[in-house]
Amino acid sequence: MTGHGSKPEARKPNYALRRIKTLLAIIACTASATLLFTWRTADSQTATILVSVIYILTGLWLIVRFAPRE
């Protein structure tokens, strides 16, 4: 038996918050990828590293978010 309904204090997931966080991650991933591929890397190495980190982290978050749960 599963205990999903056994806890009366169990809350429903906040789907609106999940949608907002996913939308922000998609926008951040798209924007950072665009900046990463269109920016001149010789201008500012620090900014390029920052954009790269944002791109990698948001991409990983989206992969984990939509990975099959088996």
C-alpha atoms as a PDB file:
ATOM      1  CA  MET A   1       0.000   0.000   0.000  1.00  0.00           C
ATOM      2  CA  THR A   2       1.101   3.506  -0.620  1.00  0.00           C
ATOM      3  CA  GLY A   3       0.911   6.107   2.076  1.00  0.00           C
ATOM      4  CA  HIS A   4       0.079   9.041  -0.158  1.00  0.00           C
ATOM      5  CA  GLY A   5      -3.287   9.730   1.417  1.00  0.00           C
ATOM      6  CA  SER A   6      -2.413   8.659   4.939  1.00  0.00           C
ATOM      7  CA  LYS A   7      -1.113  12.067   6.063  1.00  0.00           C
ATOM      8  CA  PRO A   8      -3.917  14.560   6.623  1.00  0.00           C
ATOM      9  CA  GLU A   9      -1.417  17.450   6.792  1.00  0.00           C
ATOM     10  CA  ALA A  10       0.000  16.660   3.329  1.00  0.00           C
ATOM     11  CA  ARG A  11      -0.144  19.725   1.109  1.00  0.00           C
ATOM     12  CA  LYS A  12      -0.851  19.875  -2.589  1.00  0.00           C
ATOM     13  CA  PRO A  13       2.107  20.880  -4.734  1.00  0.00           C
ATOM     14  CA  ASN A  14       2.184  24.517  -5.765  1.00  0.00           C
ATOM     15  CA  TYR A  15       1.921  24.105  -9.529  1.00  0.00           C
ATOM     16  CA  ALA A  16       1.938  27.850 -10.227  1.00  0.00           C
ATOM     17  CA  LEU A  17       5.291  28.199  -8.450  1.00  0.00           C
ATOM     18  CA  ARG A  18       6.666  25.209 -10.347  1.00  0.00           C
ATOM     19  CA  ARG A  19       5.590  26.750 -13.657  1.00  0.00           C
ATOM     20  CA  ILE A  20       7.160  30.093 -12.779  1.00  0.00           C
ATOM     21  CA  LYS A  21      10.468  28.495 -11.734  1.00  0.00           C
ATOM     22  CA  THR A  22      10.554  26.372 -14.893  1.00  0.00           C
ATOM     23  CA  LEU A  23       9.760  29.376 -17.078  1.00  0.00           C
ATOM     24  CA  LEU A  24      12.536  31.407 -15.408  1.00  0.00           C
ATOM     25  CA  ALA A  25      15.003  28.552 -15.899  1.00  0.00           C
ATOM     26  CA  ILE A  26      14.091  28.251 -19.586  1.00  0.00           C
ATOM     27  CA  ILE A  27      14.467  31.996 -20.083  1.00  0.00           C
ATOM     28  CA  ALA A  28      17.808  32.053 -18.226  1.00  0.00           C
ATOM     29  CA  CYS A  29      19.110  29.081 -20.202  1.00  0.00           C
ATOM     30  CA  THR A  30      18.058  30.587 -23.536  1.00  0.00           C
ATOM     31  CA  ALA A  31      19.383  34.050 -22.715  1.00  0.00           C
ATOM     32  CA  SER A  32      22.708  32.766 -21.399  1.00  0.00           C
ATOM     33  CA  ALA A  33      23.160  30.491 -24.416  1.00  0.00           C
ATOM     34  CA  THR A  34      22.449  33.421 -26.720  1.00  0.00           C
ATOM     35  CA  LEU A  35      24.921  35.628 -24.877  1.00  0.00           C
ATOM     36  CA  LEU A  36      27.503  32.871 -24.752  1.00  0.00           C
ATOM     37  CA  PHE A  37      27.448  32.304 -28.503  1.00  0.00           C
ATOM     38  CA  THR A  38      27.105  35.929 -29.602  1.00  0.00           C
ATOM     39  CA  TRP A  39      29.384  37.719 -27.158  1.00  0.00           C
ATOM     40  CA  ARG A  40      32.959  38.491 -27.970  1.00  0.00           C
ATOM     41  CA  THR A  41      34.910  36.421 -25.460  1.00  0.00           C
ATOM     42  CA  ALA A  42      37.944  38.738 -25.631  1.00  0.00           C
ATOM     43  CA  ASP A  43      35.995  41.634 -24.111  1.00  0.00           C
ATOM     44  CA  SER A  44      35.490  40.259 -20.613  1.00  0.00           C
ATOM     45  CA  GLN A  45      36.589  36.842 -19.482  1.00  0.00           C
ATOM     46  CA  THR A  46      34.812  37.189 -16.121  1.00  0.00           C
ATOM     47  CA  ALA A  47      31.472  37.907 -17.787  1.00  0.00           C
ATOM     48  CA  THR A  48      31.968  34.995 -20.158  1.00  0.00           C
ATOM     49  CA  ILE A  49      32.650  32.637 -17.243  1.00  0.00           C
ATOM     50  CA  LEU A  50      29.580  33.938 -15.392  1.00  0.00           C
ATOM     51  CA  VAL A  51      27.338  33.409 -18.420  1.00  0.00           C
ATOM     52  CA  SER A  52      28.813  29.934 -18.920  1.00  0.00           C
ATOM     53  CA  VAL A  53      28.108  28.980 -15.301  1.00  0.00           C
ATOM     54  CA  ILE A  54      24.522  30.250 -15.557  1.00  0.00           C
ATOM     55  CA  TYR A  55      24.058  28.287 -18.780  1.00  0.00           C
ATOM     56  CA  ILE A  56      25.417  25.066 -17.290  1.00  0.00           C
ATOM     57  CA  LEU A  57      23.483  25.346 -14.030  1.00  0.00           C
ATOM     58  CA  THR A  58      20.142  26.160 -15.642  1.00  0.00           C
ATOM     59  CA  GLY A  59      20.661  23.424 -18.217  1.00  0.00           C
ATOM     60  CA  LEU A  60      21.402  20.873 -15.505  1.00  0.00           C
ATOM     61  CA  TRP A  61      18.400  22.018 -13.473  1.00  0.00           C
ATOM     62  CA  LEU A  62      16.130  21.572 -16.485  1.00  0.00           C
ATOM     63  CA  ILE A  63      17.585  18.125 -17.195  1.00  0.00           C
ATOM     64  CA  VAL A  64      17.002  17.004 -13.606  1.00  0.00           C
ATOM     65  CA  ARG A  65      13.546  18.597 -13.572  1.00  0.00           C
ATOM     66  CA  PHE A  66      12.331  16.743 -16.644  1.00  0.00           C
ATOM     67  CA  ALA A  67      14.257  13.482 -16.211  1.00  0.00           C
ATOM     68  CA  PRO A  68      12.095  10.369 -15.947  1.00  0.00           C
ATOM     69  CA  ARG A  69      11.560   9.286 -12.352  1.00  0.00           C
ATOM     70  CA  GLU A  70      12.068   5.554 -12.378  1.00  0.00           C
END
